PDB file of N, CA and C in Angstrom:
ATOM      1  N   UNK A   1      24.963  -3.171  15.819  1.00  0.00           N
ATOM      2  CA  UNK A   1      23.655  -2.240  15.827  1.00  0.00           C
ATOM      3  C   UNK A   1      23.278  -2.387  14.605  1.00  0.00           C
ATOM      4  N   UNK A   2      22.241  -3.367  14.167  1.00  0.00           N
ATOM      5  CA  UNK A   2      21.576  -3.238  12.911  1.00  0.00           C
ATOM      6  C   UNK A   2      20.313  -2.511  12.929  1.00  0.00           C
ATOM      7  N   UNK A   3      19.749  -2.400  13.814  1.00  0.00           N
ATOM      8  CA  UNK A   3      18.238  -1.700  13.957  1.00  0.00           C
ATOM      9  C   UNK A   3      18.244  -0.218  13.785  1.00  0.00           C
ATOM     10  N   UNK A   4      17.424   0.228  13.033  1.00  0.00           N
ATOM     11  CA  UNK A   4      17.201   1.568  12.860  1.00  0.00           C
ATOM     12  C   UNK A   4      16.541   2.264  14.099  1.00  0.00           C
ATOM     13  N   UNK A   5      16.694   3.669  14.018  1.00  0.00           N
ATOM     14  CA  UNK A   5      16.181   4.186  15.219  1.00  0.00           C
ATOM     15  C   UNK A   5      14.780   4.582  15.119  1.00  0.00           C
ATOM     16  N   UNK A   6      13.946   4.547  15.850  1.00  0.00           N
ATOM     17  CA  UNK A   6      12.425   4.729  15.846  1.00  0.00           C
ATOM     18  C   UNK A   6      12.105   6.048  16.681  1.00  0.00           C
ATOM     19  N   UNK A   7      11.047   6.616  15.931  1.00  0.00           N
ATOM     20  CA  UNK A   7      10.713   7.881  16.954  1.00  0.00           C
ATOM     21  C   UNK A   7       9.975   7.622  18.101  1.00  0.00           C
ATOM     22  N   UNK A   8      10.117   8.458  18.941  1.00  0.00           N
ATOM     23  CA  UNK A   8       9.554   8.242  20.343  1.00  0.00           C
ATOM     24  C   UNK A   8       8.186   8.707  20.428  1.00  0.00           C
ATOM     25  N   UNK A   9       7.755   9.885  19.669  1.00  0.00           N
ATOM     26  CA  UNK A   9       6.645  10.378  19.756  1.00  0.00           C
ATOM     27  C   UNK A   9       6.123  11.072  18.306  1.00  0.00           C
ATOM     28  N   UNK A  10       5.124  11.254  18.062  1.00  0.00           N
ATOM     29  CA  UNK A  10       4.390  11.973  16.855  1.00  0.00           C
ATOM     30  C   UNK A  10       4.871  13.369  16.912  1.00  0.00           C
ATOM     31  N   UNK A  11       5.266  13.827  15.621  1.00  0.00           N
ATOM     32  CA  UNK A  11       5.798  15.212  15.580  1.00  0.00           C
ATOM     33  C   UNK A  11       4.501  16.086  15.581  1.00  0.00           C
ATOM     34  N   UNK A  12       3.458  15.687  15.124  1.00  0.00           N
ATOM     35  CA  UNK A  12       2.132  16.648  15.033  1.00  0.00           C
ATOM     36  C   UNK A  12       1.330  16.616  16.455  1.00  0.00           C
ATOM     37  N   UNK A  13       1.104  15.592  17.066  1.00  0.00           N
ATOM     38  CA  UNK A  13       0.415  15.662  18.291  1.00  0.00           C
ATOM     39  C   UNK A  13       1.243  15.249  19.524  1.00  0.00           C
ATOM     40  N   UNK A  14       2.378  14.680  19.440  1.00  0.00           N
ATOM     41  CA  UNK A  14       3.176  14.448  20.611  1.00  0.00           C
ATOM     42  C   UNK A  14       2.726  12.892  21.061  1.00  0.00           C
ATOM     43  N   UNK A  15       1.865  12.289  20.744  1.00  0.00           N
ATOM     44  CA  UNK A  15       1.428  10.993  21.127  1.00  0.00           C
ATOM     45  C   UNK A  15       2.622   9.911  20.993  1.00  0.00           C
ATOM     46  N   UNK A  16       2.495   8.891  21.568  1.00  0.00           N
ATOM     47  CA  UNK A  16       3.540   7.938  21.625  1.00  0.00           C
ATOM     48  C   UNK A  16       2.968   6.409  20.928  1.00  0.00           C
ATOM     49  N   UNK A  17       1.859   6.358  20.479  1.00  0.00           N
ATOM     50  CA  UNK A  17       1.107   5.402  19.863  1.00  0.00           C
ATOM     51  C   UNK A  17       1.436   5.237  18.413  1.00  0.00           C
ATOM     52  N   UNK A  18       2.636   5.104  18.231  1.00  0.00           N
ATOM     53  CA  UNK A  18       3.230   4.936  16.605  1.00  0.00           C
ATOM     54  C   UNK A  18       3.303   3.334  16.298  1.00  0.00           C
ATOM     55  N   UNK A  19       3.219   3.370  15.007  1.00  0.00           N
ATOM     56  CA  UNK A  19       3.314   1.933  14.394  1.00  0.00           C
ATOM     57  C   UNK A  19       3.914   2.175  12.974  1.00  0.00           C
ATOM     58  N   UNK A  20       4.849   1.158  12.582  1.00  0.00           N
ATOM     59  CA  UNK A  20       5.468   1.344  11.241  1.00  0.00           C
ATOM     60  C   UNK A  20       4.480   1.227  10.336  1.00  0.00           C
ATOM     61  N   UNK A  21       4.763   2.197   9.266  1.00  0.00           N
ATOM     62  CA  UNK A  21       3.693   2.470   8.205  1.00  0.00           C
ATOM     63  C   UNK A  21       3.837   1.192   7.140  1.00  0.00           C
ATOM     64  N   UNK A  22       2.844   1.205   6.102  1.00  0.00           N
ATOM     65  CA  UNK A  22       2.891   0.096   5.136  1.00  0.00           C
ATOM     66  C   UNK A  22       3.391   0.576   3.963  1.00  0.00           C
ATOM     67  N   UNK A  23       3.972   2.004   3.964  1.00  0.00           N
ATOM     68  CA  UNK A  23       4.533   2.444   2.783  1.00  0.00           C
ATOM     69  C   UNK A  23       6.021   2.197   2.745  1.00  0.00           C
ATOM     70  N   UNK A  24       6.544   1.662   3.544  1.00  0.00           N
ATOM     71  CA  UNK A  24       7.889   1.182   3.431  1.00  0.00           C
ATOM     72  C   UNK A  24       8.885   1.741   4.555  1.00  0.00           C
ATOM     73  N   UNK A  25      10.024   1.925   4.048  1.00  0.00           N
ATOM     74  CA  UNK A  25      11.296   2.071   5.077  1.00  0.00           C
ATOM     75  C   UNK A  25      11.041   3.495   5.588  1.00  0.00           C
ATOM     76  N   UNK A  26      10.987   3.624   6.743  1.00  0.00           N
ATOM     77  CA  UNK A  26      11.035   5.129   7.174  1.00  0.00           C
ATOM     78  C   UNK A  26       9.579   5.519   7.645  1.00  0.00           C
ATOM     79  N   UNK A  27       8.692   5.209   7.167  1.00  0.00           N
ATOM     80  CA  UNK A  27       7.282   5.528   7.293  1.00  0.00           C
ATOM     81  C   UNK A  27       6.577   4.977   8.666  1.00  0.00           C
ATOM     82  N   UNK A  28       5.971   5.793   9.175  1.00  0.00           N
ATOM     83  CA  UNK A  28       5.277   5.656  10.547  1.00  0.00           C
ATOM     84  C   UNK A  28       3.912   6.156  10.559  1.00  0.00           C
ATOM     85  N   UNK A  29       2.906   5.620  11.492  1.00  0.00           N
ATOM     86  CA  UNK A  29       1.653   5.924  11.471  1.00  0.00           C
ATOM     87  C   UNK A  29       1.246   6.411  13.016  1.00  0.00           C
ATOM     88  N   UNK A  30       0.487   7.432  13.258  1.00  0.00           N
ATOM     89  CA  UNK A  30       0.058   7.651  14.673  1.00  0.00           C
ATOM     90  C   UNK A  30      -1.380   7.301  14.738  1.00  0.00           C
ATOM     91  N   UNK A  31      -1.603   6.622  15.800  1.00  0.00           N
ATOM     92  CA  UNK A  31      -3.043   6.104  15.975  1.00  0.00           C
ATOM     93  C   UNK A  31      -3.959   7.153  16.750  1.00  0.00           C
ATOM     94  N   UNK A  32      -3.135   7.991  17.231  1.00  0.00           N
ATOM     95  CA  UNK A  32      -3.901   9.065  17.798  1.00  0.00           C
ATOM     96  C   UNK A  32      -4.456  10.127  17.118  1.00  0.00           C
ATOM     97  N   UNK A  33      -3.569  10.489  16.187  1.00  0.00           N
ATOM     98  CA  UNK A  33      -4.179  11.701  15.277  1.00  0.00           C
ATOM     99  C   UNK A  33      -4.340  11.214  13.883  1.00  0.00           C
ATOM    100  N   UNK A  34      -4.084  10.146  13.525  1.00  0.00           N
ATOM    101  CA  UNK A  34      -4.567   9.274  12.303  1.00  0.00           C
ATOM    102  C   UNK A  34      -3.646  10.096  11.121  1.00  0.00           C
ATOM    103  N   UNK A  35      -2.273  10.463  11.599  1.00  0.00           N
ATOM    104  CA  UNK A  35      -1.543  10.897  10.516  1.00  0.00           C
ATOM    105  C   UNK A  35      -0.457   9.927  10.248  1.00  0.00           C
ATOM    106  N   UNK A  36       0.189   9.901   8.870  1.00  0.00           N
ATOM    107  CA  UNK A  36       1.329   9.294   8.616  1.00  0.00           C
ATOM    108  C   UNK A  36       2.526  10.200   8.312  1.00  0.00           C
ATOM    109  N   UNK A  37       3.713   9.816   8.505  1.00  0.00           N
ATOM    110  CA  UNK A  37       4.787  10.558   8.325  1.00  0.00           C
ATOM    111  C   UNK A  37       6.067   9.810   8.006  1.00  0.00           C
ATOM    112  N   UNK A  38       7.016  10.309   7.385  1.00  0.00           N
ATOM    113  CA  UNK A  38       8.305   9.527   6.926  1.00  0.00           C
ATOM    114  C   UNK A  38       9.538  10.298   7.627  1.00  0.00           C
ATOM    115  N   UNK A  39      10.515   9.420   8.042  1.00  0.00           N
ATOM    116  CA  UNK A  39      11.541   9.946   8.500  1.00  0.00           C
ATOM    117  C   UNK A  39      12.619   9.524   7.665  1.00  0.00           C
ATOM    118  N   UNK A  40      13.534  10.330   7.465  1.00  0.00           N
ATOM    119  CA  UNK A  40      14.540  10.072   6.278  1.00  0.00           C
ATOM    120  C   UNK A  40      15.811  10.998   6.674  1.00  0.00           C
ATOM    121  N   UNK A  41      17.050  10.481   6.513  1.00  0.00           N
ATOM    122  CA  UNK A  41      18.267  11.063   6.782  1.00  0.00           C
ATOM    123  C   UNK A  41      18.757  11.778   5.673  1.00  0.00           C
ATOM    124  N   UNK A  42      19.046  13.139   5.972  1.00  0.00           N
ATOM    125  CA  UNK A  42      19.549  13.991   4.989  1.00  0.00           C
ATOM    126  C   UNK A  42      20.858  14.084   4.523  1.00  0.00           C
ATOM    127  N   UNK A  43      21.665  13.994   5.395  1.00  0.00           N
ATOM    128  CA  UNK A  43      23.073  13.837   5.302  1.00  0.00           C
ATOM    129  C   UNK A  43      23.883  14.677   6.414  1.00  0.00           C
ATOM    130  N   UNK A  44      25.025  14.742   6.525  1.00  0.00           N
ATOM    131  CA  UNK A  44      25.769  15.099   7.569  1.00  0.00           C
ATOM    132  C   UNK A  44      26.188  16.653   7.379  1.00  0.00           C
ATOM    133  N   UNK A  45      26.233  17.442   8.286  1.00  0.00           N
ATOM    134  CA  UNK A  45      26.398  18.661   8.326  1.00  0.00           C
ATOM    135  C   UNK A  45      27.942  18.954   8.303  1.00  0.00           C
ATOM    136  N   UNK A  46      28.282  20.031   7.704  1.00  0.00           N
ATOM    137  CA  UNK A  46      29.594  20.566   7.564  1.00  0.00           C
ATOM    138  C   UNK A  46      30.173  21.113   8.667  1.00  0.00           C
ATOM    139  N   UNK A  47      31.233  20.670   9.344  1.00  0.00           N
ATOM    140  CA  UNK A  47      31.696  21.373  10.716  1.00  0.00           C
ATOM    141  C   UNK A  47      32.205  22.505  10.466  1.00  0.00           C
ATOM    142  N   UNK A  48      31.984  23.491  11.191  1.00  0.00           N
ATOM    143  CA  UNK A  48      32.485  24.790  10.995  1.00  0.00           C
ATOM    144  C   UNK A  48      33.315  25.156  12.274  1.00  0.00           C
ATOM    145  N   UNK A  49      34.307  26.016  12.196  1.00  0.00           N
ATOM    146  CA  UNK A  49      35.290  26.510  13.470  1.00  0.00           C
ATOM    147  C   UNK A  49      34.744  27.876  13.740  1.00  0.00           C
ATOM    148  N   UNK A  50      34.586  28.178  15.137  1.00  0.00           N
ATOM    149  CA  UNK A  50      34.116  29.648  15.423  1.00  0.00           C
ATOM    150  C   UNK A  50      35.368  30.471  14.705  1.00  0.00           C
ATOM    151  N   UNK A  51      34.591  31.744  14.079  1.00  0.00           N
ATOM    152  CA  UNK A  51      35.199  32.743  13.593  1.00  0.00           C
ATOM    153  C   UNK A  51      35.477  33.620  14.787  1.00  0.00           C
ATOM    154  N   UNK A  52      36.670  34.408  14.596  1.00  0.00           N
ATOM    155  CA  UNK A  52      37.035  35.444  15.467  1.00  0.00           C
ATOM    156  C   UNK A  52      36.166  36.495  15.291  1.00  0.00           C
ATOM    157  N   UNK A  53      35.752  37.447  16.308  1.00  0.00           N
ATOM    158  CA  UNK A  53      34.901  38.666  16.051  1.00  0.00           C
ATOM    159  C   UNK A  53      35.679  39.732  15.296  1.00  0.00           C
ATOM    160  N   UNK A  54      35.151  40.325  14.649  1.00  0.00           N
ATOM    161  CA  UNK A  54      35.909  41.505  13.798  1.00  0.00           C
ATOM    162  C   UNK A  54      36.424  42.588  14.810  1.00  0.00           C
ATOM    163  N   UNK A  55      37.619  43.042  14.738  1.00  0.00           N
ATOM    164  CA  UNK A  55      38.304  44.072  15.582  1.00  0.00           C
ATOM    165  C   UNK A  55      37.942  45.509  15.296  1.00  0.00           C
TER     166      UNK A  55
END
């Protein structure tokens, strides 16, 4: 699995007409609303265990 995940819809208008942006990795352009946006991975969240309610 070497391909990166692609967005299915624009986060601004919800349209599906997206194209990879010219700015580089993670950049996308929406033809419907004429906006550009970037996707990036921020990191992993720490797993937390459920705490017992106070008695």
